[in-house]
């Protein structure tokens, strides 16, 4: 069943390493079936530019579904309000000196979704800056499956500079109203993730098989910092892409996927449609079982991840965690 003419997207994760049960669950669930993605909504006021849409919570490691409608959401204080009018005093320029060039937290002014969300955000920025010169530092960054118009870049939402910028934006006033009173600090995608997916990025499968849902791939390895501040996520990304290239050189259809929120990169092989796993019988398709035999252990940072044979006895005998199906995410 290694795919038919029409098929789709994913999720990420996580030394010969024995993790505690809690750490193992946090890194990657150990159920029998495929992993599933979840979607959370980010509350924001719907603007007159278009229909609203549920955005992915930036703390999640997944994308939203294709049912989301195209649109833009403005972080204003009243529905249907869009930037307009000159007037009152212009606030000072964004205090960039207090921010971080590589920070991923920003003050969100508006969000965009649907086809050409980047183009919509870019066009809206030009309009916004002409009407609100105090927001001339606004930039377009990726947020979930869409784009966001943001100001500032900060290491965390608790930074004093981030809180000062949020307060500044919220205080902007025109004609007795504060159009950005609903602005909030959110974590956006890094510059590396803002552009289109690179070759062999797992998300490119969605473009190849836009009508197949769900679409699965078999996760065979993951690289993660595991919360170790001494570890470099850049090194983890590079290691995952290197392993993906090595598998392709051996003839495997291999893919990588980066999740910078959890600082995890995974490597997968193959692609399968809904028949890959039968939830009623809990059986995998023969093609999936063959691939699992070829890749008997899920590697974490280059070595098998060891899990307890008996989950009720975490300190007992262990075995390598098997590889598992993951759902392919969209672009």
C-alpha atoms as a PDB file:
ATOM      1  CA  UNK A   1       0.000   0.000   0.000  1.00  0.00           C
ATOM      2  CA  UNK A   2       3.048   2.138  -0.298  1.00  0.00           C
ATOM      3  CA  UNK A   3       0.962   4.747  -1.796  1.00  0.00           C
ATOM      4  CA  UNK A   4      -1.361   4.942  -4.677  1.00  0.00           C
ATOM      5  CA  UNK A   5      -1.629   7.787  -7.195  1.00  0.00           C
ATOM      6  CA  UNK A   6      -3.267  10.123  -4.750  1.00  0.00           C
ATOM      7  CA  UNK A   7      -2.177  10.667  -1.214  1.00  0.00           C
ATOM      8  CA  UNK A   8      -0.521  13.680   2.249  1.00  0.00           C
ATOM      9  CA  UNK A   9       1.763  15.560   6.705  1.00  0.00           C
ATOM     10  CA  UNK A  10       3.400  15.346  10.574  1.00  0.00           C
ATOM     11  CA  UNK A  11       4.590  15.553  13.895  1.00  0.00           C
ATOM     12  CA  UNK A  12       7.876  15.476  15.654  1.00  0.00           C
ATOM     13  CA  UNK A  13       9.803  14.195  18.762  1.00  0.00           C
ATOM     14  CA  UNK A  14      12.197  13.277  20.404  1.00  0.00           C
ATOM     15  CA  UNK A  15      22.391   6.998  23.607  1.00  0.00           C
ATOM     16  CA  UNK A  16      21.464   3.982  24.679  1.00  0.00           C
ATOM     17  CA  UNK A  17      19.097   5.840  26.982  1.00  0.00           C
ATOM     18  CA  UNK A  18      16.664   4.660  29.613  1.00  0.00           C
ATOM     19  CA  UNK A  19      14.174   7.401  30.309  1.00  0.00           C
ATOM     20  CA  UNK A  20      11.756   7.476  33.197  1.00  0.00           C
ATOM     21  CA  UNK A  21       8.167   6.608  32.354  1.00  0.00           C
ATOM     22  CA  UNK A  22       7.190  10.277  32.615  1.00  0.00           C
ATOM     23  CA  UNK A  23      10.027  11.393  30.359  1.00  0.00           C
ATOM     24  CA  UNK A  24       9.232   8.678  27.847  1.00  0.00           C
ATOM     25  CA  UNK A  25       5.614   9.765  27.625  1.00  0.00           C
ATOM     26  CA  UNK A  26       6.630  13.389  27.247  1.00  0.00           C
ATOM     27  CA  UNK A  27       9.027  12.536  24.462  1.00  0.00           C
ATOM     28  CA  UNK A  28       6.808  10.232  22.479  1.00  0.00           C
ATOM     29  CA  UNK A  29       3.712   8.290  23.392  1.00  0.00           C
ATOM     30  CA  UNK A  30       4.065   4.544  23.370  1.00  0.00           C
ATOM     31  CA  UNK A  31       0.629   3.373  22.242  1.00  0.00           C
ATOM     32  CA  UNK A  32       0.003   0.725  19.639  1.00  0.00           C
ATOM     33  CA  UNK A  33      -1.522   2.901  16.950  1.00  0.00           C
ATOM     34  CA  UNK A  34      -0.397   5.960  15.016  1.00  0.00           C
ATOM     35  CA  UNK A  35       0.257   9.218  16.817  1.00  0.00           C
ATOM     36  CA  UNK A  36      -2.395  11.895  16.378  1.00  0.00           C
ATOM     37  CA  UNK A  37      -2.064  15.643  16.242  1.00  0.00           C
ATOM     38  CA  UNK A  38      -4.158  18.039  18.250  1.00  0.00           C
ATOM     39  CA  UNK A  39      -5.347  21.536  17.528  1.00  0.00           C
ATOM     40  CA  UNK A  40      -5.923  24.385  19.955  1.00  0.00           C
ATOM     41  CA  UNK A  41      -7.453  27.735  19.180  1.00  0.00           C
ATOM     42  CA  UNK A  42      -5.859  31.083  19.835  1.00  0.00           C
ATOM     43  CA  UNK A  43      -8.467  33.616  20.733  1.00  0.00           C
ATOM     44  CA  UNK A  44      -8.453  36.818  18.742  1.00  0.00           C
ATOM     45  CA  UNK A  45     -10.978  39.250  17.365  1.00  0.00           C
ATOM     46  CA  UNK A  46     -12.198  38.626  13.836  1.00  0.00           C
ATOM     47  CA  UNK A  47     -11.577  41.561  11.547  1.00  0.00           C
ATOM     48  CA  UNK A  48     -13.395  42.793   8.472  1.00  0.00           C
ATOM     49  CA  UNK A  49     -10.609  41.461   6.281  1.00  0.00           C
ATOM     50  CA  UNK A  50     -12.134  37.971   6.245  1.00  0.00           C
ATOM     51  CA  UNK A  51     -13.405  34.999   8.188  1.00  0.00           C
ATOM     52  CA  UNK A  52     -11.773  33.942  11.422  1.00  0.00           C
ATOM     53  CA  UNK A  53      -9.809  30.740  11.840  1.00  0.00           C
ATOM     54  CA  UNK A  54      -8.570  28.574  14.671  1.00  0.00           C
ATOM     55  CA  UNK A  55      -4.816  28.932  14.910  1.00  0.00           C
ATOM     56  CA  UNK A  56      -2.434  26.344  16.233  1.00  0.00           C
ATOM     57  CA  UNK A  57      -1.248  26.942  19.751  1.00  0.00           C
ATOM     58  CA  UNK A  58       2.481  27.707  19.262  1.00  0.00           C
ATOM     59  CA  UNK A  59       3.268  25.439  22.226  1.00  0.00           C
ATOM     60  CA  UNK A  60       1.857  22.478  20.326  1.00  0.00           C
ATOM     61  CA  UNK A  61       3.904  20.322  17.991  1.00  0.00           C
ATOM     62  CA  UNK A  62       1.206  20.057  15.364  1.00  0.00           C
ATOM     63  CA  UNK A  63      -0.541  21.824  12.569  1.00  0.00           C
ATOM     64  CA  UNK A  64      -4.229  22.655  12.191  1.00  0.00           C
ATOM     65  CA  UNK A  65      -6.549  20.854   9.815  1.00  0.00           C
ATOM     66  CA  UNK A  66      -7.571  21.793   6.300  1.00  0.00           C
ATOM     67  CA  UNK A  67     -11.068  22.854   7.324  1.00  0.00           C
ATOM     68  CA  UNK A  68      -9.803  26.229   8.505  1.00  0.00           C
ATOM     69  CA  UNK A  69     -11.162  29.067   6.438  1.00  0.00           C
ATOM     70  CA  UNK A  70      -9.044  31.698   4.801  1.00  0.00           C
ATOM     71  CA  UNK A  71      -8.855  34.971   6.671  1.00  0.00           C
ATOM     72  CA  UNK A  72      -7.096  37.447   8.875  1.00  0.00           C
ATOM     73  CA  UNK A  73      -7.605  38.092  12.569  1.00  0.00           C
ATOM     74  CA  UNK A  74      -6.784  41.464  14.033  1.00  0.00           C
ATOM     75  CA  UNK A  75      -5.755  41.725  17.664  1.00  0.00           C
ATOM     76  CA  UNK A  76      -8.033  44.716  18.184  1.00  0.00           C
ATOM     77  CA  UNK A  77     -10.427  45.514  20.973  1.00  0.00           C
ATOM     78  CA  UNK A  78     -13.611  45.399  18.908  1.00  0.00           C
ATOM     79  CA  UNK A  79     -14.885  43.103  16.193  1.00  0.00           C
ATOM     80  CA  UNK A  80     -14.572  44.227  12.615  1.00  0.00           C
ATOM     81  CA  UNK A  81     -12.060  46.908  13.480  1.00  0.00           C
ATOM     82  CA  UNK A  82      -9.189  47.402  11.068  1.00  0.00           C
ATOM     83  CA  UNK A  83      -6.367  49.964  11.108  1.00  0.00           C
ATOM     84  CA  UNK A  84      -7.510  53.350   9.896  1.00  0.00           C
ATOM     85  CA  UNK A  85      -7.123  57.047  10.271  1.00  0.00           C
ATOM     86  CA  UNK A  86      -4.228  59.154  11.306  1.00  0.00           C
ATOM     87  CA  UNK A  87      -4.658  61.090  14.419  1.00  0.00           C
ATOM     88  CA  UNK A  88      -3.434  61.377  17.920  1.00  0.00           C
ATOM     89  CA  UNK A  89       0.080  61.070  19.084  1.00  0.00           C
ATOM     90  CA  UNK A  90       2.333  58.420  17.591  1.00  0.00           C
ATOM     91  CA  UNK A  91       4.124  56.261  20.100  1.00  0.00           C
ATOM     92  CA  UNK A  92       7.872  55.971  19.993  1.00  0.00           C
ATOM     93  CA  UNK A  93       9.539  53.385  17.793  1.00  0.00           C
ATOM     94  CA  UNK A  94       9.702  49.803  19.006  1.00  0.00           C
ATOM     95  CA  UNK A  95      12.472  49.419  21.631  1.00  0.00           C
ATOM     96  CA  UNK A  96      14.449  46.978  19.510  1.00  0.00           C
ATOM     97  CA  UNK A  97      17.506  47.461  21.676  1.00  0.00           C
ATOM     98  CA  UNK A  98      15.838  45.475  24.430  1.00  0.00           C
ATOM     99  CA  UNK A  99      14.897  42.608  22.172  1.00  0.00           C
ATOM    100  CA  UNK A 100      16.721  39.614  20.735  1.00  0.00           C
ATOM    101  CA  UNK A 101      17.752  39.201  17.129  1.00  0.00           C
ATOM    102  CA  UNK A 102      17.112  35.479  17.330  1.00  0.00           C
ATOM    103  CA  UNK A 103      14.240  35.541  19.804  1.00  0.00           C
ATOM    104  CA  UNK A 104      11.029  33.774  18.820  1.00  0.00           C
ATOM    105  CA  UNK A 105       8.534  35.602  21.026  1.00  0.00           C
ATOM    106  CA  UNK A 106       6.779  38.585  19.464  1.00  0.00           C
ATOM    107  CA  UNK A 107       3.812  40.878  19.965  1.00  0.00           C
ATOM    108  CA  UNK A 108       1.115  39.681  17.549  1.00  0.00           C
ATOM    109  CA  UNK A 109      -0.802  42.403  15.699  1.00  0.00           C
ATOM    110  CA  UNK A 110      -2.807  40.270  13.268  1.00  0.00           C
ATOM    111  CA  UNK A 111      -2.885  36.689  11.982  1.00  0.00           C
ATOM    112  CA  UNK A 112      -3.523  35.385   8.472  1.00  0.00           C
ATOM    113  CA  UNK A 113      -4.542  31.975   7.140  1.00  0.00           C
ATOM    114  CA  UNK A 114      -5.618  30.225   3.969  1.00  0.00           C
ATOM    115  CA  UNK A 115      -4.095  30.396   0.530  1.00  0.00           C
ATOM    116  CA  UNK A 116      -1.252  32.913   0.153  1.00  0.00           C
ATOM    117  CA  UNK A 117      -1.328  33.858   3.835  1.00  0.00           C
ATOM    118  CA  UNK A 118       2.186  35.285   3.494  1.00  0.00           C
ATOM    119  CA  UNK A 119       1.118  37.551   0.640  1.00  0.00           C
ATOM    120  CA  UNK A 120      -1.904  38.732   2.610  1.00  0.00           C
ATOM    121  CA  UNK A 121       0.232  39.524   5.626  1.00  0.00           C
ATOM    122  CA  UNK A 122       2.787  41.409   3.536  1.00  0.00           C
ATOM    123  CA  UNK A 123       0.122  43.513   1.824  1.00  0.00           C
ATOM    124  CA  UNK A 124      -1.580  44.259   5.141  1.00  0.00           C
ATOM    125  CA  UNK A 125       1.743  45.343   6.635  1.00  0.00           C
ATOM    126  CA  UNK A 126       2.129  48.080   4.010  1.00  0.00           C
ATOM    127  CA  UNK A 127      -1.324  49.413   4.845  1.00  0.00           C
ATOM    128  CA  UNK A 128      -0.703  49.180   8.565  1.00  0.00           C
ATOM    129  CA  UNK A 129       2.630  51.014   8.513  1.00  0.00           C
ATOM    130  CA  UNK A 130       1.216  53.854   6.414  1.00  0.00           C
ATOM    131  CA  UNK A 131      -1.511  54.390   9.009  1.00  0.00           C
ATOM    132  CA  UNK A 132       0.517  53.573  12.106  1.00  0.00           C
ATOM    133  CA  UNK A 133       4.091  54.806  11.601  1.00  0.00           C
ATOM    134  CA  UNK A 134       4.897  53.791  15.175  1.00  0.00           C
ATOM    135  CA  UNK A 135       4.602  50.187  13.958  1.00  0.00           C
ATOM    136  CA  UNK A 136       7.107  50.547  11.115  1.00  0.00           C
ATOM    137  CA  UNK A 137       9.193  47.743  12.638  1.00  0.00           C
ATOM    138  CA  UNK A 138       6.363  45.252  12.067  1.00  0.00           C
ATOM    139  CA  UNK A 139       7.425  42.073  10.268  1.00  0.00           C
ATOM    140  CA  UNK A 140       5.767  38.975   8.841  1.00  0.00           C
ATOM    141  CA  UNK A 141       6.531  35.679  10.574  1.00  0.00           C
ATOM    142  CA  UNK A 142       5.067  32.203  10.410  1.00  0.00           C
ATOM    143  CA  UNK A 143       2.553  31.127  13.045  1.00  0.00           C
ATOM    144  CA  UNK A 144       1.162  27.595  12.876  1.00  0.00           C
ATOM    145  CA  UNK A 145      -0.150  27.026   9.350  1.00  0.00           C
ATOM    146  CA  UNK A 146      -0.482  30.728   8.704  1.00  0.00           C
ATOM    147  CA  UNK A 147       1.373  34.008   9.024  1.00  0.00           C
ATOM    148  CA  UNK A 148       1.390  36.710  11.642  1.00  0.00           C
ATOM    149  CA  UNK A 149       2.202  40.396  11.573  1.00  0.00           C
ATOM    150  CA  UNK A 150       4.394  40.996  14.611  1.00  0.00           C
ATOM    151  CA  UNK A 151       6.646  43.520  16.303  1.00  0.00           C
ATOM    152  CA  UNK A 152       9.684  42.705  18.385  1.00  0.00           C
ATOM    153  CA  UNK A 153      11.711  39.556  18.928  1.00  0.00           C
ATOM    154  CA  UNK A 154      12.291  38.367  22.469  1.00  0.00           C
ATOM    155  CA  UNK A 155      13.770  35.331  24.184  1.00  0.00           C
ATOM    156  CA  UNK A 156      10.716  34.834  26.385  1.00  0.00           C
ATOM    157  CA  UNK A 157       7.333  36.371  27.155  1.00  0.00           C
ATOM    158  CA  UNK A 158       8.546  37.274  30.642  1.00  0.00           C
ATOM    159  CA  UNK A 159      11.393  39.489  29.410  1.00  0.00           C
ATOM    160  CA  UNK A 160      11.044  43.040  30.675  1.00  0.00           C
ATOM    161  CA  UNK A 161      11.582  44.298  27.123  1.00  0.00           C
ATOM    162  CA  UNK A 162       8.811  42.025  25.815  1.00  0.00           C
ATOM    163  CA  UNK A 163       6.359  43.249  28.442  1.00  0.00           C
ATOM    164  CA  UNK A 164       7.309  46.865  27.719  1.00  0.00           C
ATOM    165  CA  UNK A 165       6.682  46.380  23.996  1.00  0.00           C
ATOM    166  CA  UNK A 166       3.340  44.700  24.628  1.00  0.00           C
ATOM    167  CA  UNK A 167       2.298  47.609  26.839  1.00  0.00           C
ATOM    168  CA  UNK A 168       3.404  50.115  24.179  1.00  0.00           C
ATOM    169  CA  UNK A 169       1.406  48.411  21.427  1.00  0.00           C
ATOM    170  CA  UNK A 170      -1.706  48.048  23.563  1.00  0.00           C
ATOM    171  CA  UNK A 171      -1.570  51.759  24.394  1.00  0.00           C
ATOM    172  CA  UNK A 172      -1.659  52.935  20.758  1.00  0.00           C
ATOM    173  CA  UNK A 173      -4.776  55.053  20.318  1.00  0.00           C
ATOM    174  CA  UNK A 174      -6.721  56.469  17.374  1.00  0.00           C
ATOM    175  CA  UNK A 175      -9.958  58.447  17.519  1.00  0.00           C
ATOM    176  CA  UNK A 176     -10.521  57.496  21.118  1.00  0.00           C
ATOM    177  CA  UNK A 177     -10.060  53.779  20.454  1.00  0.00           C
ATOM    178  CA  UNK A 178      -7.206  51.352  21.032  1.00  0.00           C
ATOM    179  CA  UNK A 179      -7.111  49.101  17.943  1.00  0.00           C
ATOM    180  CA  UNK A 180      -4.412  46.829  19.386  1.00  0.00           C
ATOM    181  CA  UNK A 181      -5.769  46.434  22.894  1.00  0.00           C
ATOM    182  CA  UNK A 182      -6.065  42.697  22.267  1.00  0.00           C
ATOM    183  CA  UNK A 183      -2.416  42.265  21.248  1.00  0.00           C
ATOM    184  CA  UNK A 184      -0.599  39.367  22.891  1.00  0.00           C
ATOM    185  CA  UNK A 185       2.815  37.781  23.108  1.00  0.00           C
ATOM    186  CA  UNK A 186       3.130  34.494  21.220  1.00  0.00           C
ATOM    187  CA  UNK A 187       5.957  32.283  20.072  1.00  0.00           C
ATOM    188  CA  UNK A 188       6.384  32.306  16.300  1.00  0.00           C
ATOM    189  CA  UNK A 189       8.378  30.158  13.905  1.00  0.00           C
ATOM    190  CA  UNK A 190      12.091  30.718  13.472  1.00  0.00           C
ATOM    191  CA  UNK A 191      13.432  32.256  10.289  1.00  0.00           C
ATOM    192  CA  UNK A 192      14.473  28.768   9.190  1.00  0.00           C
ATOM    193  CA  UNK A 193      10.831  27.676   9.224  1.00  0.00           C
ATOM    194  CA  UNK A 194       9.315  30.832   7.747  1.00  0.00           C
ATOM    195  CA  UNK A 195       9.957  29.903   4.127  1.00  0.00           C
ATOM    196  CA  UNK A 196       8.705  26.980   2.058  1.00  0.00           C
ATOM    197  CA  UNK A 197       9.736  23.465   3.162  1.00  0.00           C
ATOM    198  CA  UNK A 198      13.135  22.271   1.963  1.00  0.00           C
ATOM    199  CA  UNK A 199      13.608  19.070  -0.080  1.00  0.00           C
ATOM    200  CA  UNK A 200      12.909  15.944   1.989  1.00  0.00           C
ATOM    201  CA  UNK A 201      11.041  17.950   4.635  1.00  0.00           C
ATOM    202  CA  UNK A 202       8.154  15.698   5.687  1.00  0.00           C
ATOM    203  CA  UNK A 203       5.653  18.508   5.085  1.00  0.00           C
ATOM    204  CA  UNK A 204       6.281  18.314   1.336  1.00  0.00           C
ATOM    205  CA  UNK A 205       4.295  15.078   1.238  1.00  0.00           C
ATOM    206  CA  UNK A 206       1.117  17.108   1.725  1.00  0.00           C
ATOM    207  CA  UNK A 207       1.758  18.910  -1.546  1.00  0.00           C
ATOM    208  CA  UNK A 208       2.253  15.577  -3.310  1.00  0.00           C
ATOM    209  CA  UNK A 209      -0.875  13.987  -1.858  1.00  0.00           C
ATOM    210  CA  UNK A 210      -3.278  16.840  -1.004  1.00  0.00           C
ATOM    211  CA  UNK A 211      -6.441  14.717  -0.874  1.00  0.00           C
ATOM    212  CA  UNK A 212      -5.330  11.809   1.297  1.00  0.00           C
ATOM    213  CA  UNK A 213      -6.179  12.054   4.984  1.00  0.00           C
ATOM    214  CA  UNK A 214      -4.708  10.732   7.078  1.00  0.00           C
ATOM    215  CA  UNK A 215      -1.268  10.221   5.600  1.00  0.00           C
ATOM    216  CA  UNK A 216       1.307   8.408   7.705  1.00  0.00           C
ATOM    217  CA  UNK A 217       5.051   7.890   7.735  1.00  0.00           C
ATOM    218  CA  UNK A 218       7.113   5.619   9.996  1.00  0.00           C
ATOM    219  CA  UNK A 219       9.265   7.449  12.535  1.00  0.00           C
ATOM    220  CA  UNK A 220      12.623   5.690  12.867  1.00  0.00           C
ATOM    221  CA  UNK A 221      14.726   8.261  14.721  1.00  0.00           C
ATOM    222  CA  UNK A 222      14.599  11.511  16.677  1.00  0.00           C
ATOM    223  CA  UNK A 223      17.130  14.035  17.886  1.00  0.00           C
ATOM    224  CA  UNK A 224      16.272  16.313  20.807  1.00  0.00           C
ATOM    225  CA  UNK A 225      17.980  18.501  23.368  1.00  0.00           C
ATOM    226  CA  UNK A 226      15.806  16.864  26.066  1.00  0.00           C
ATOM    227  CA  UNK A 227      15.896  20.081  28.030  1.00  0.00           C
ATOM    228  CA  UNK A 228      19.702  20.047  28.278  1.00  0.00           C
ATOM    229  CA  UNK A 229      20.801  23.678  27.939  1.00  0.00           C
ATOM    230  CA  UNK A 230      24.284  22.503  27.008  1.00  0.00           C
ATOM    231  CA  UNK A 231      22.914  20.780  23.910  1.00  0.00           C
ATOM    232  CA  UNK A 232      22.626  22.731  20.674  1.00  0.00           C
ATOM    233  CA  UNK A 233      19.404  22.317  18.740  1.00  0.00           C
ATOM    234  CA  UNK A 234      21.260  23.389  15.598  1.00  0.00           C
ATOM    235  CA  UNK A 235      23.369  20.241  16.043  1.00  0.00           C
ATOM    236  CA  UNK A 236      20.204  18.153  16.494  1.00  0.00           C
ATOM    237  CA  UNK A 237      18.701  19.537  13.286  1.00  0.00           C
ATOM    238  CA  UNK A 238      21.912  18.843  11.387  1.00  0.00           C
ATOM    239  CA  UNK A 239      22.127  15.281  12.737  1.00  0.00           C
ATOM    240  CA  UNK A 240      18.550  14.513  11.665  1.00  0.00           C
ATOM    241  CA  UNK A 241      19.089  15.861   8.158  1.00  0.00           C
ATOM    242  CA  UNK A 242      22.363  13.924   7.875  1.00  0.00           C
ATOM    243  CA  UNK A 243      20.686  10.658   8.890  1.00  0.00           C
ATOM    244  CA  UNK A 244      17.865  11.324   6.431  1.00  0.00           C
ATOM    245  CA  UNK A 245      20.428  11.785   3.649  1.00  0.00           C
ATOM    246  CA  UNK A 246      22.206   8.566   4.664  1.00  0.00           C
ATOM    247  CA  UNK A 247      18.958   6.595   4.461  1.00  0.00           C
ATOM    248  CA  UNK A 248      18.156   8.062   1.053  1.00  0.00           C
ATOM    249  CA  UNK A 249      21.630   7.097  -0.159  1.00  0.00           C
ATOM    250  CA  UNK A 250      20.714   3.511   0.811  1.00  0.00           C
ATOM    251  CA  UNK A 251      17.522   3.655  -1.252  1.00  0.00           C
ATOM    252  CA  UNK A 252      14.976   4.490   1.475  1.00  0.00           C
ATOM    253  CA  UNK A 253      12.285   7.111   0.992  1.00  0.00           C
ATOM    254  CA  UNK A 254      13.303   9.153   4.016  1.00  0.00           C
ATOM    255  CA  UNK A 255      12.074  12.467   5.429  1.00  0.00           C
ATOM    256  CA  UNK A 256      12.909  14.820   8.288  1.00  0.00           C
ATOM    257  CA  UNK A 257      10.742  17.170  10.337  1.00  0.00           C
ATOM    258  CA  UNK A 258      11.872  19.893  12.734  1.00  0.00           C
ATOM    259  CA  UNK A 259       9.895  21.152  15.726  1.00  0.00           C
ATOM    260  CA  UNK A 260      11.708  24.097  17.250  1.00  0.00           C
ATOM    261  CA  UNK A 261       9.153  24.579  20.026  1.00  0.00           C
ATOM    262  CA  UNK A 262      10.162  21.246  21.575  1.00  0.00           C
ATOM    263  CA  UNK A 263      13.674  21.369  20.067  1.00  0.00           C
ATOM    264  CA  UNK A 264      13.133  17.995  18.437  1.00  0.00           C
ATOM    265  CA  UNK A 265      13.790  16.713  14.931  1.00  0.00           C
ATOM    266  CA  UNK A 266      12.502  13.384  13.670  1.00  0.00           C
ATOM    267  CA  UNK A 267      13.360  11.181  10.700  1.00  0.00           C
ATOM    268  CA  UNK A 268      10.743   9.003   9.016  1.00  0.00           C
ATOM    269  CA  UNK A 269      10.598   6.512   6.159  1.00  0.00           C
ATOM    270  CA  UNK A 270       7.863   5.702   3.668  1.00  0.00           C
ATOM    271  CA  UNK A 271       4.310   6.988   3.379  1.00  0.00           C
ATOM    272  CA  UNK A 272       1.018   5.164   3.886  1.00  0.00           C
ATOM    273  CA  UNK A 273      -2.678   5.918   3.738  1.00  0.00           C
ATOM    274  CA  UNK A 274      -5.422   5.092   6.277  1.00  0.00           C
ATOM    275  CA  UNK A 275      -5.062   1.356   5.619  1.00  0.00           C
ATOM    276  CA  UNK A 276      -1.659   1.373   7.313  1.00  0.00           C
ATOM    277  CA  UNK A 277      -3.302   0.606  10.665  1.00  0.00           C
ATOM    278  CA  UNK A 278      -6.608  -0.985  11.627  1.00  0.00           C
ATOM    279  CA  UNK A 279      -7.760   0.410  15.001  1.00  0.00           C
ATOM    280  CA  UNK A 280     -10.314  -2.405  15.407  1.00  0.00           C
ATOM    281  CA  UNK A 281      -7.910  -5.282  14.990  1.00  0.00           C
ATOM    282  CA  UNK A 282      -4.890  -3.167  16.131  1.00  0.00           C
ATOM    283  CA  UNK A 283      -2.961  -4.702  13.236  1.00  0.00           C
ATOM    284  CA  UNK A 284      -0.593  -2.948  10.863  1.00  0.00           C
ATOM    285  CA  UNK A 285      -0.649  -3.465   7.103  1.00  0.00           C
ATOM    286  CA  UNK A 286       1.933  -5.993   5.811  1.00  0.00           C
ATOM    287  CA  UNK A 287       3.949  -3.199   4.156  1.00  0.00           C
ATOM    288  CA  UNK A 288       4.212  -1.355   7.480  1.00  0.00           C
ATOM    289  CA  UNK A 289       5.209  -4.517   9.319  1.00  0.00           C
ATOM    290  CA  UNK A 290       7.931  -5.174   6.735  1.00  0.00           C
ATOM    291  CA  UNK A 291       9.310  -1.685   7.296  1.00  0.00           C
ATOM    292  CA  UNK A 292       9.170  -2.128  11.071  1.00  0.00           C
ATOM    293  CA  UNK A 293      11.250  -5.260  10.706  1.00  0.00           C
ATOM    294  CA  UNK A 294      13.780  -3.301   8.645  1.00  0.00           C
ATOM    295  CA  UNK A 295      13.860  -0.632  11.376  1.00  0.00           C
ATOM    296  CA  UNK A 296      13.324  -2.559  14.641  1.00  0.00           C
ATOM    297  CA  UNK A 297      14.212   0.257  17.065  1.00  0.00           C
ATOM    298  CA  UNK A 298      13.355   3.924  17.333  1.00  0.00           C
ATOM    299  CA  UNK A 299      16.638   5.792  17.720  1.00  0.00           C
ATOM    300  CA  UNK A 300      16.931   8.805  20.006  1.00  0.00           C
ATOM    301  CA  UNK A 301      20.033  10.919  19.522  1.00  0.00           C
ATOM    302  CA  UNK A 302      21.534   8.055  17.537  1.00  0.00           C
ATOM    303  CA  UNK A 303      20.890   5.163  19.934  1.00  0.00           C
ATOM    304  CA  UNK A 304      17.920   2.901  20.760  1.00  0.00           C
ATOM    305  CA  UNK A 305      15.465   4.318  23.256  1.00  0.00           C
ATOM    306  CA  UNK A 306      15.011   1.713  25.999  1.00  0.00           C
ATOM    307  CA  UNK A 307      11.596   1.307  27.593  1.00  0.00           C
ATOM    308  CA  UNK A 308      10.396  -1.076  30.366  1.00  0.00           C
ATOM    309  CA  UNK A 309       9.096  -4.422  29.153  1.00  0.00           C
ATOM    310  CA  UNK A 310       6.501  -4.204  31.896  1.00  0.00           C
ATOM    311  CA  UNK A 311       5.170  -0.615  32.184  1.00  0.00           C
ATOM    312  CA  UNK A 312       4.129  -1.417  35.765  1.00  0.00           C
ATOM    313  CA  UNK A 313       7.752  -2.058  36.663  1.00  0.00           C
ATOM    314  CA  UNK A 314       9.813   0.898  35.343  1.00  0.00           C
ATOM    315  CA  UNK A 315      12.995  -0.382  36.985  1.00  0.00           C
ATOM    316  CA  UNK A 316      12.700  -3.877  35.488  1.00  0.00           C
ATOM    317  CA  UNK A 317      13.998  -5.318  32.232  1.00  0.00           C
ATOM    318  CA  UNK A 318      13.962  -3.102  29.177  1.00  0.00           C
ATOM    319  CA  UNK A 319      13.603  -3.382  25.428  1.00  0.00           C
ATOM    320  CA  UNK A 320      14.180  -0.979  22.514  1.00  0.00           C
ATOM    321  CA  UNK A 321      11.144   1.137  21.753  1.00  0.00           C
ATOM    322  CA  UNK A 322       9.732   0.112  18.355  1.00  0.00           C
ATOM    323  CA  UNK A 323       9.266   2.593  15.541  1.00  0.00           C
ATOM    324  CA  UNK A 324       5.789   4.075  15.147  1.00  0.00           C
ATOM    325  CA  UNK A 325       3.539   5.685  12.593  1.00  0.00           C
ATOM    326  CA  UNK A 326       3.198   9.449  12.749  1.00  0.00           C
ATOM    327  CA  UNK A 327       0.699  11.603  10.896  1.00  0.00           C
ATOM    328  CA  UNK A 328       2.142  13.818   8.183  1.00  0.00           C
ATOM    329  CA  UNK A 329       1.471  17.542   8.771  1.00  0.00           C
ATOM    330  CA  UNK A 330       0.463  20.141   6.202  1.00  0.00           C
ATOM    331  CA  UNK A 331       2.432  23.025   4.778  1.00  0.00           C
END
